[in-house]
Protein backbone atom coordinates (compact mmCIF):
# COMPACT_ATOMS: atom_id res chain seq x y z
CA MET A 1 -59.59 -29.74 -38.51
CA VAL A 2 -61.84 -27.36 -36.60
CA ASN A 3 -65.40 -26.70 -37.68
CA GLY A 4 -65.88 -23.00 -38.27
CA GLU A 5 -69.52 -23.00 -37.14
CA SER A 6 -68.41 -22.86 -33.49
CA VAL A 7 -65.81 -20.15 -33.96
CA ARG A 8 -66.41 -16.46 -34.57
CA PHE A 9 -64.08 -13.48 -34.42
CA ARG A 10 -65.48 -10.23 -33.12
CA ASP A 11 -63.69 -8.33 -35.89
CA ARG A 12 -60.43 -8.31 -37.83
CA THR A 13 -58.55 -6.58 -35.02
CA GLU A 14 -59.41 -9.30 -32.51
CA ALA A 15 -58.48 -11.94 -35.08
CA GLY A 16 -55.10 -10.25 -35.59
CA VAL A 17 -54.40 -10.08 -31.87
CA ARG A 18 -55.18 -13.78 -31.46
CA LEU A 19 -53.11 -14.65 -34.51
CA ALA A 20 -50.13 -12.68 -33.15
CA GLY A 21 -50.18 -14.88 -30.05
CA ARG A 22 -49.83 -17.98 -32.21
CA LEU A 23 -46.88 -16.50 -34.10
CA GLU A 24 -44.77 -16.06 -30.96
CA GLY A 25 -41.48 -17.88 -31.44
CA LEU A 26 -41.92 -18.39 -35.19
CA ILE A 27 -40.50 -15.07 -36.40
CA ALA A 28 -37.47 -12.94 -35.63
CA PRO A 29 -35.90 -9.83 -37.21
CA PRO A 30 -35.16 -9.02 -39.92
CA CYS A 31 -38.82 -9.54 -40.74
CA VAL A 32 -41.67 -7.74 -42.51
CA VAL A 33 -45.44 -8.23 -42.20
CA ALA A 34 -47.47 -7.90 -45.41
CA GLY A 35 -51.27 -7.85 -45.53
CA ILE A 36 -53.56 -8.34 -48.49
CA PRO A 37 -55.59 -5.17 -48.94
CA ARG A 38 -57.85 -4.30 -47.62
CA GLY A 39 -59.08 -6.63 -44.88
CA GLY A 40 -55.80 -8.48 -44.54
CA VAL A 41 -54.05 -5.25 -43.52
CA ALA A 42 -56.46 -4.86 -40.59
CA VAL A 43 -55.51 -8.36 -39.40
CA ALA A 44 -51.80 -7.73 -40.02
CA LEU A 45 -51.66 -4.48 -38.03
CA PRO A 46 -51.82 -6.06 -34.53
CA ILE A 47 -49.13 -8.54 -35.60
CA ALA A 48 -46.78 -5.80 -36.79
CA GLU A 49 -47.40 -3.79 -33.61
CA ARG A 50 -46.86 -6.71 -31.25
CA PHE A 51 -43.47 -7.54 -32.72
CA GLY A 52 -42.42 -3.99 -33.69
CA LEU A 53 -42.10 -4.96 -37.35
CA PRO A 54 -42.60 -2.93 -40.54
CA LEU A 55 -46.01 -3.34 -42.18
CA THR A 56 -46.56 -3.23 -45.93
CA VAL A 57 -49.18 -4.49 -48.34
CA VAL A 58 -49.31 -7.40 -50.78
CA TYR A 59 -49.85 -5.84 -54.19
CA ALA A 60 -50.66 -9.18 -55.84
CA ARG A 61 -54.29 -9.38 -57.02
CA LYS A 62 -56.76 -11.99 -58.20
CA LEU A 63 -57.50 -12.57 -61.86
CA THR A 64 -61.16 -12.83 -62.88
CA ALA A 65 -63.01 -13.08 -66.18
CA PRO A 66 -66.18 -11.24 -67.28
CA VAL A 67 -68.03 -14.57 -67.58
CA ALA A 68 -67.58 -15.14 -63.83
CA PRO A 69 -66.48 -11.91 -62.13
CA GLU A 70 -66.73 -13.41 -58.62
CA LEU A 71 -64.60 -16.46 -59.39
CA ALA A 72 -60.80 -16.10 -59.42
CA PHE A 73 -58.89 -18.23 -61.90
CA GLY A 74 -55.47 -17.00 -60.77
CA ALA A 75 -53.46 -14.02 -59.48
CA ILE A 76 -50.52 -11.90 -60.55
CA ASP A 77 -47.78 -10.31 -58.45
CA GLU A 78 -46.04 -6.93 -58.62
CA ASP A 79 -43.62 -8.23 -61.25
CA GLY A 80 -46.49 -9.31 -63.51
CA ARG A 81 -45.92 -13.04 -63.00
CA ALA A 82 -49.18 -15.04 -63.04
CA THR A 83 -50.20 -17.92 -60.79
CA LEU A 84 -53.09 -19.80 -62.43
CA ASP A 85 -55.57 -22.42 -61.25
CA PRO A 86 -55.71 -24.80 -64.25
CA GLU A 87 -58.99 -26.40 -63.16
CA THR A 88 -60.77 -23.04 -63.06
CA VAL A 89 -59.21 -21.89 -66.33
CA THR A 90 -60.51 -25.07 -67.99
CA ALA A 91 -63.94 -24.83 -66.39
CA LEU A 92 -64.36 -21.24 -67.59
CA ARG A 93 -63.03 -22.16 -71.05
CA LEU A 94 -60.61 -19.23 -71.02
CA SER A 95 -58.36 -18.64 -74.02
CA PRO A 96 -54.81 -17.24 -73.78
CA GLU A 97 -56.24 -13.95 -75.01
CA ASP A 98 -58.78 -13.93 -72.17
CA ILE A 99 -56.02 -14.50 -69.65
CA GLU A 100 -53.82 -11.78 -71.14
CA GLU A 101 -56.70 -9.29 -71.14
CA ALA A 102 -57.44 -9.98 -67.47
CA THR A 103 -53.73 -9.77 -66.61
CA ALA A 104 -53.35 -6.38 -68.31
CA ARG A 105 -56.41 -5.03 -66.49
CA VAL A 106 -55.23 -6.20 -63.07
CA ARG A 107 -51.68 -4.99 -63.67
CA LYS A 108 -53.03 -1.45 -64.03
CA GLU A 109 -54.90 -1.81 -60.75
CA ILE A 110 -51.71 -3.01 -59.03
CA GLU A 111 -49.87 0.05 -60.34
CA ARG A 112 -52.67 2.29 -59.08
CA ARG A 113 -52.53 0.76 -55.62
CA MET A 114 -48.76 1.05 -55.43
CA VAL A 115 -49.06 4.77 -56.08
CA TRP A 116 -52.06 5.22 -53.79
CA TYR A 117 -50.75 3.34 -50.76
CA GLY A 118 -47.13 4.42 -51.18
CA ALA A 119 -45.95 1.45 -49.10
CA PRO A 120 -42.84 -0.26 -50.51
CA PRO A 121 -43.38 -3.69 -52.08
CA LEU A 122 -41.97 -6.77 -50.41
CA ALA A 123 -38.92 -6.67 -52.66
CA HIS A 124 -37.82 -3.52 -50.78
CA TYR A 125 -37.18 -5.64 -47.67
CA LEU A 126 -35.52 -8.53 -49.50
CA PRO A 127 -33.40 -10.56 -49.81
CA GLY A 128 -32.63 -12.00 -46.40
CA ALA A 129 -35.73 -11.16 -44.33
CA THR A 130 -38.56 -13.34 -43.10
CA VAL A 131 -41.92 -12.46 -44.69
CA VAL A 132 -45.21 -12.89 -42.83
CA LEU A 133 -48.09 -12.95 -45.33
CA VAL A 134 -51.49 -12.18 -43.80
CA ASP A 135 -55.09 -12.27 -45.07
CA ASP A 136 -58.40 -12.11 -43.21
CA GLY A 137 -59.34 -15.53 -44.58
CA LEU A 138 -58.32 -18.05 -47.23
CA ALA A 139 -60.85 -19.73 -49.48
CA THR A 140 -58.69 -20.54 -52.52
CA GLY A 141 -55.64 -18.58 -51.36
CA LEU A 142 -54.70 -17.70 -54.94
CA THR A 143 -53.51 -14.18 -54.10
CA LEU A 144 -51.32 -15.45 -51.29
CA ARG A 145 -49.95 -18.14 -53.58
CA ALA A 146 -48.75 -15.41 -55.93
CA ALA A 147 -47.36 -13.43 -52.98
CA LEU A 148 -45.52 -16.47 -51.65
CA ALA A 149 -43.91 -17.11 -55.05
CA TYR A 150 -42.96 -13.42 -55.27
CA ALA A 151 -41.32 -13.51 -51.82
CA ARG A 152 -39.38 -16.65 -52.70
CA HIS A 153 -38.27 -15.16 -56.04
CA HIS A 154 -36.88 -12.07 -54.29
CA GLY A 155 -34.92 -14.04 -51.68
CA ALA A 156 -37.07 -14.29 -48.54
CA ARG A 157 -35.22 -16.09 -45.76
CA GLN A 158 -38.47 -17.85 -44.88
CA VAL A 159 -42.17 -17.29 -45.55
CA VAL A 160 -44.85 -17.53 -42.86
CA VAL A 161 -48.50 -17.57 -43.96
CA ALA A 162 -50.94 -16.46 -41.25
CA THR A 163 -54.73 -16.18 -41.37
CA PRO A 164 -57.64 -16.38 -38.92
CA CYS A 165 -59.57 -18.90 -41.04
CA ALA A 166 -58.88 -21.13 -44.03
CA SER A 167 -60.41 -23.84 -46.14
CA ALA A 168 -58.98 -27.32 -45.89
CA ARG A 169 -57.74 -27.06 -49.49
CA ALA A 170 -55.87 -23.80 -48.89
CA SER A 171 -54.50 -25.13 -45.62
CA GLU A 172 -53.11 -28.22 -47.32
CA PHE A 173 -51.34 -26.13 -49.96
CA PHE A 174 -49.71 -23.66 -47.57
CA ARG A 175 -48.66 -26.30 -45.04
CA ARG A 176 -46.72 -27.82 -47.91
CA GLU A 177 -45.36 -24.69 -49.58
CA ALA A 178 -44.76 -22.19 -46.74
CA ASP A 179 -42.10 -22.53 -44.06
CA HIS A 180 -44.84 -22.06 -41.45
CA PHE A 181 -48.61 -21.95 -41.82
CA VAL A 182 -50.81 -20.68 -38.98
CA SER A 183 -54.61 -20.59 -39.12
CA LEU A 184 -56.87 -20.34 -36.08
CA VAL A 185 -59.67 -22.12 -37.97
CA VAL A 186 -59.35 -24.76 -40.69
CA ASP A 187 -62.78 -25.78 -41.94
CA GLU A 188 -63.63 -28.77 -44.17
CA GLN A 189 -66.92 -27.05 -45.08
CA PHE A 190 -65.43 -23.60 -45.55
CA GLN A 191 -67.95 -20.85 -46.23
CA ALA A 192 -67.43 -17.24 -47.25
CA VAL A 193 -64.75 -15.52 -45.15
CA GLY A 194 -67.31 -13.10 -43.66
CA LYS A 195 -69.17 -16.02 -42.05
CA TYR A 196 -66.35 -16.35 -39.51
CA TYR A 197 -66.66 -12.76 -38.24
CA ARG A 198 -69.39 -11.03 -36.29
CA ASP A 199 -68.26 -7.69 -37.74
CA PHE A 200 -66.99 -7.97 -41.32
CA SER A 201 -67.49 -4.36 -42.34
CA PRO A 202 -65.71 -3.24 -45.53
CA VAL A 203 -62.25 -1.70 -45.08
CA HIS A 204 -61.62 1.38 -47.20
CA ASP A 205 -58.42 2.67 -48.77
CA ASP A 206 -58.15 5.62 -46.38
CA GLU A 207 -58.32 3.18 -43.47
CA VAL A 208 -55.47 1.15 -44.98
CA LEU A 209 -53.38 4.32 -45.26
CA ALA A 210 -54.10 5.13 -41.61
CA MET A 211 -53.09 1.59 -40.55
CA LEU A 212 -49.82 1.78 -42.47
CA ALA A 213 -49.02 5.14 -40.86
CA ARG A 214 -49.90 3.83 -37.39
CA ALA A 215 -47.70 0.75 -37.83
CA GLU A 216 -44.77 2.90 -38.96
CA GLN A 217 -45.19 5.23 -35.99
CA HIS A 218 -45.32 2.25 -33.63
CA ARG A 219 -42.24 0.68 -35.22
CA ARG A 220 -40.22 3.88 -34.94
CA ALA A 221 -41.19 4.27 -31.29
CA ALA A 222 -40.16 0.67 -30.60
CA GLU A 223 -36.82 1.21 -32.33
CA ALA A 224 -36.19 4.40 -30.39
CA ASP A 225 -36.86 2.54 -27.15
CA SER A 226 -34.54 -0.28 -28.21
CA ALA A 227 -31.55 1.94 -29.08
CA LEU A 228 -28.49 0.94 -27.08
CA GLY A 229 -27.41 3.83 -24.88
CA ILE A 230 -23.64 4.14 -24.42
CA SER A 231 -21.18 6.66 -23.01
CA PHE A 232 -17.50 7.18 -23.72
CA SER A 233 -14.79 9.68 -22.80
CA ASN A 234 -12.94 12.21 -24.91
CA GLU A 235 -9.36 13.33 -24.27
CA ARG A 236 -10.52 15.84 -21.66
CA GLY A 237 -12.18 13.07 -19.69
CA TRP A 238 -15.69 14.35 -20.41
CA ARG A 239 -18.33 11.67 -20.79
CA LEU A 240 -20.13 11.83 -24.13
CA ALA A 241 -23.63 10.36 -24.51
CA GLY A 242 -24.45 8.20 -27.52
CA ASP A 243 -27.04 5.84 -28.96
CA VAL A 244 -26.24 2.78 -31.07
CA ILE A 245 -28.96 1.58 -33.42
CA LEU A 246 -28.38 -2.05 -34.38
CA PRO A 247 -29.94 -4.24 -37.08
CA GLY A 248 -32.01 -7.16 -35.82
CA SER A 249 -29.74 -9.75 -37.41
CA PRO A 250 -26.70 -11.12 -35.58
CA GLY A 251 -23.12 -10.45 -36.61
CA ARG A 252 -20.53 -7.69 -36.73
CA HIS A 253 -22.16 -4.89 -38.65
CA PRO A 254 -20.65 -2.06 -40.67
CA VAL A 255 -21.36 1.18 -38.84
CA VAL A 256 -22.03 4.81 -39.71
CA ILE A 257 -21.22 7.58 -37.21
CA PHE A 258 -23.37 10.71 -37.45
CA ALA A 259 -21.50 14.01 -37.13
CA HIS A 260 -24.56 16.22 -36.75
CA ASP A 261 -24.95 19.95 -37.13
CA ARG A 262 -24.00 21.86 -33.98
CA SER A 263 -27.61 23.00 -33.53
CA ALA A 264 -28.91 19.40 -33.56
CA GLY A 265 -28.22 16.41 -31.33
CA ARG A 266 -28.29 12.65 -31.23
CA LYS A 267 -32.12 12.67 -31.02
CA ASN A 268 -32.48 14.73 -34.22
CA PRO A 269 -35.46 13.20 -36.13
CA ALA A 270 -33.90 13.61 -39.58
CA ASN A 271 -30.71 11.80 -38.59
CA ARG A 272 -32.76 9.14 -36.80
CA ALA A 273 -34.77 8.57 -39.97
CA VAL A 274 -31.58 8.07 -41.98
CA ALA A 275 -30.18 5.75 -39.28
CA GLU A 276 -33.35 3.65 -39.41
CA ALA A 277 -33.09 3.38 -43.19
CA LEU A 278 -29.51 2.19 -42.76
CA ARG A 279 -30.57 -0.26 -40.04
CA ASP A 280 -33.11 -1.84 -42.39
CA GLU A 281 -30.24 -2.63 -44.77
CA GLY A 282 -27.92 -4.16 -42.15
CA PHE A 283 -25.92 -1.10 -41.03
CA ALA A 284 -25.46 -0.04 -37.42
CA SER A 285 -25.40 3.66 -36.53
CA LEU A 286 -23.80 5.66 -33.73
CA LEU A 287 -25.39 9.02 -32.90
CA PHE A 288 -23.88 11.08 -30.06
CA ASP A 289 -23.96 14.53 -28.50
CA TRP A 290 -20.96 16.86 -28.85
CA SER A 291 -19.18 18.10 -25.72
CA GLY A 292 -21.39 20.52 -23.80
CA HIS A 293 -24.53 19.55 -25.68
CA GLY A 294 -27.46 17.26 -24.94
CA ASP A 295 -26.51 14.72 -22.28
CA SER A 296 -22.75 15.02 -22.78
CA GLU A 297 -20.45 16.65 -20.24
CA GLY A 298 -18.68 19.96 -20.80
CA SER A 299 -19.94 23.43 -21.57
CA PRO A 300 -21.25 24.74 -24.92
CA GLY A 301 -18.52 27.35 -24.96
CA ASP A 302 -15.86 24.65 -25.07
CA CYS A 303 -17.40 22.98 -28.13
CA SER A 304 -15.10 24.44 -30.75
CA LEU A 305 -14.60 22.91 -34.18
CA GLU A 306 -11.34 21.40 -32.96
CA GLN A 307 -13.13 19.88 -29.96
CA GLN A 308 -15.77 18.35 -32.21
CA VAL A 309 -13.05 16.78 -34.35
CA GLU A 310 -11.56 15.29 -31.19
CA ASP A 311 -15.02 14.09 -30.05
CA LEU A 312 -15.45 12.29 -33.37
CA GLY A 313 -12.13 10.55 -32.76
CA ALA A 314 -13.38 9.44 -29.34
CA ALA A 315 -16.48 8.01 -31.01
CA LEU A 316 -14.26 6.04 -33.38
CA ASP A 317 -12.35 4.70 -30.37
CA ALA A 318 -15.63 3.66 -28.74
CA LEU A 319 -16.61 1.50 -31.72
CA GLU A 320 -13.67 -0.78 -31.03
CA THR A 321 -15.16 -1.73 -27.65
CA LEU A 322 -18.49 -3.03 -29.06
CA ASP A 323 -18.50 -6.61 -30.31
CA GLU A 324 -21.58 -6.05 -32.50
CA LEU A 325 -19.75 -3.46 -34.62
CA ASP A 326 -17.06 -3.96 -37.25
CA ALA A 327 -14.51 -1.21 -36.56
CA GLY A 328 -12.86 -2.01 -39.88
CA ARG A 329 -15.93 -0.86 -41.84
CA VAL A 330 -16.76 2.63 -40.59
CA GLY A 331 -18.41 5.48 -42.43
CA VAL A 332 -19.23 9.00 -41.26
CA MET A 333 -22.22 11.08 -42.25
CA GLY A 334 -21.59 14.77 -41.69
CA THR A 335 -24.58 17.11 -41.66
CA GLY A 336 -24.44 20.90 -41.63
CA SER A 337 -21.44 22.06 -39.62
CA GLY A 338 -20.74 18.38 -38.95
CA ALA A 339 -19.67 18.06 -42.59
CA ALA A 340 -16.59 20.15 -41.82
CA VAL A 341 -15.90 18.03 -38.72
CA ALA A 342 -16.16 14.86 -40.80
CA LEU A 343 -13.74 16.20 -43.41
CA LEU A 344 -11.18 17.36 -40.83
CA ARG A 345 -11.26 14.00 -39.05
CA GLY A 346 -11.23 12.08 -42.31
CA ALA A 347 -8.07 13.92 -43.38
CA LYS A 348 -6.08 12.35 -40.55
CA ASP A 349 -7.93 9.19 -39.48
CA PRO A 350 -7.67 6.16 -41.79
CA ARG A 351 -10.35 4.35 -39.78
CA ILE A 352 -12.95 6.34 -41.71
CA ARG A 353 -13.56 4.32 -44.87
CA ALA A 354 -16.35 6.38 -46.47
CA LEU A 355 -17.89 9.84 -46.06
CA VAL A 356 -21.28 11.33 -46.90
CA LEU A 357 -21.61 15.10 -46.40
CA ARG A 358 -25.07 16.79 -46.33
CA PRO A 359 -25.41 19.63 -47.05
CA ALA A 360 -21.93 19.76 -48.52
CA ASP A 361 -20.72 23.30 -47.71
CA PRO A 362 -17.77 22.69 -45.33
CA LYS A 363 -15.98 26.02 -45.82
CA GLN A 364 -13.98 25.62 -42.61
CA ALA A 365 -12.43 22.37 -43.83
CA ALA A 366 -11.68 23.05 -47.51
CA ASP A 367 -7.93 22.83 -46.90
CA ALA A 368 -8.35 19.35 -45.43
CA ALA A 369 -10.02 17.98 -48.56
CA PRO A 370 -6.78 17.06 -50.40
CA HIS A 371 -5.79 14.83 -47.49
CA VAL A 372 -9.07 12.86 -47.42
CA THR A 373 -8.54 9.57 -49.25
CA ALA A 374 -11.83 7.93 -48.22
CA PRO A 375 -14.53 7.92 -50.94
CA THR A 376 -16.68 11.01 -50.33
CA LEU A 377 -20.24 11.70 -51.47
CA LEU A 378 -21.46 15.32 -51.43
CA VAL A 379 -25.27 15.58 -51.25
CA VAL A 380 -26.53 19.05 -52.15
CA ALA A 381 -29.98 20.61 -52.39
CA GLU A 382 -30.46 21.61 -56.01
CA GLN A 383 -31.55 25.16 -55.16
CA ASP A 384 -28.74 25.79 -52.67
CA GLU A 385 -26.37 27.68 -54.97
CA SER A 386 -23.66 28.37 -52.38
CA ALA A 387 -23.47 24.70 -51.39
CA ARG A 388 -23.35 23.67 -55.03
CA ARG A 389 -20.42 25.98 -55.71
CA ALA A 390 -18.55 24.80 -52.62
CA SER A 391 -19.12 21.15 -53.54
CA GLU A 392 -17.93 21.65 -57.10
CA ALA A 393 -14.83 23.37 -55.75
CA LEU A 394 -14.07 20.38 -53.52
CA LEU A 395 -14.20 18.11 -56.55
CA THR A 396 -11.24 19.93 -58.07
CA ARG A 397 -8.99 19.34 -55.06
CA PRO A 398 -6.71 16.27 -55.00
CA GLY A 399 -7.72 13.44 -52.72
CA GLY A 400 -9.79 10.28 -52.78
CA PRO A 401 -12.81 9.52 -54.98
CA ARG A 402 -15.55 12.18 -54.77
CA TRP A 403 -19.01 12.57 -56.25
CA VAL A 404 -21.74 15.21 -56.06
CA GLU A 405 -25.43 14.28 -56.04
CA LEU A 406 -28.16 16.91 -56.28
CA VAL A 407 -31.42 16.43 -54.38
CA GLU A 408 -34.09 17.69 -56.75
CA ASP A 409 -36.93 20.08 -55.95
CA ALA A 410 -35.55 21.11 -52.59
CA GLY A 411 -34.18 24.30 -51.12
CA PRO A 412 -31.41 24.47 -48.51
CA ASP A 413 -33.72 22.96 -45.85
CA LEU A 414 -34.53 19.47 -47.05
CA ASP A 415 -38.18 18.41 -46.71
CA SER A 416 -39.27 14.83 -45.99
CA ALA A 417 -39.29 13.73 -49.64
CA ALA A 418 -35.82 15.19 -50.21
CA LEU A 419 -34.63 13.60 -46.97
CA ARG A 420 -35.74 10.20 -48.22
CA GLN A 421 -33.84 10.82 -51.43
CA ALA A 422 -30.73 11.87 -49.50
CA ALA A 423 -31.02 8.79 -47.28
CA ALA A 424 -31.22 6.55 -50.34
CA LEU A 425 -28.10 8.18 -51.80
CA ALA A 426 -26.22 7.73 -48.51
CA LEU A 427 -27.30 4.10 -48.27
CA GLY A 428 -26.08 3.40 -51.78
CA TRP A 429 -22.72 5.04 -51.08
CA PHE A 430 -22.11 3.22 -47.82
CA THR A 431 -23.24 -0.08 -49.33
CA THR A 432 -20.73 0.31 -52.14
CA HIS A 433 -17.77 1.32 -49.97
CA LEU A 434 -18.33 -0.50 -46.65
CA ARG A 435 -19.48 -3.92 -47.84
């Protein structure tokens, strides 16, 4: 045990930086860092940034009674499950009705915070990932107890509890219940958490939102830097440039090839965002530049529709050379003019096991549709009438299983909210047909 009187943290950021150093070697992707709002998020941010991990919040909250508003007798998680401290419940002489009233009140606050912060709950990252639970200090640790139980219930691979300072009682509990417990200070005579900081200024909701946004920006930059750059040749001998985005977990992963619109490229932010969503669920992605575009060889004038179809075939060949990818579980996501390319290739290449087309208006490939046997999802902006008509026409042609999904409240150019909806639809389709 270390006496807290001799230890002070300048602020929560310094505490988080020091805590991150102690976590080295204990965590590996897939992994998510979750902080208890509000102060715990400030400690969690340096940890998420150091390891390039997603940052979210713990929505579990303490339960208190009007007779002792500063004393927690338990906590509830996002699912409404309660973790109670029987000794405190007895000492406060709380009835079942008192507990239910407090639970209902706190549940509403949890719902408010979930809407306000907009960060996905831990269950979004589970099952299978490691969860790092972070607070700026643990006196009773009741909220983290509820969060730990929630993570276990939803299938966390392992749970790491990390905090700058903790009471001996909380430390004893989490050393027993968590897979790893890390605290820079464990104090037998634990005082209020603020006593261990020189600057313990309140953290406000807008600051939490800014931290979540900063962590996401940092994570995306780290993922972009970690993309595996590859090159491969088409039938003309031109070298095509590509990026492979891999999940953090080992194994041979199902893979989605992006056949992007001719005006885009492998660095297109919208396609990257979809690829990252797929990566978080265990899918690899291959994004590449067509002949004569981006960093690929050839001239733009040679990049006909037929050449793009051939380039997509070369990309399929390239998958078979990468040990991390399962060439037997390949999907293609065709966007814009790339939707026609995906259909034309899918009509003659059985290696393509599933297709997602967005927006689904592949006029140049309508005749190929009857020959496509791979399950095909057509994602259409609700207000894009021409695409809707073309998609409905494709449904009437013979071929493999097909389905149309409309993205609500969006015109032909999908905004960020509609893009997230389209990404979720694509993920569901590929999960169903490639796993």
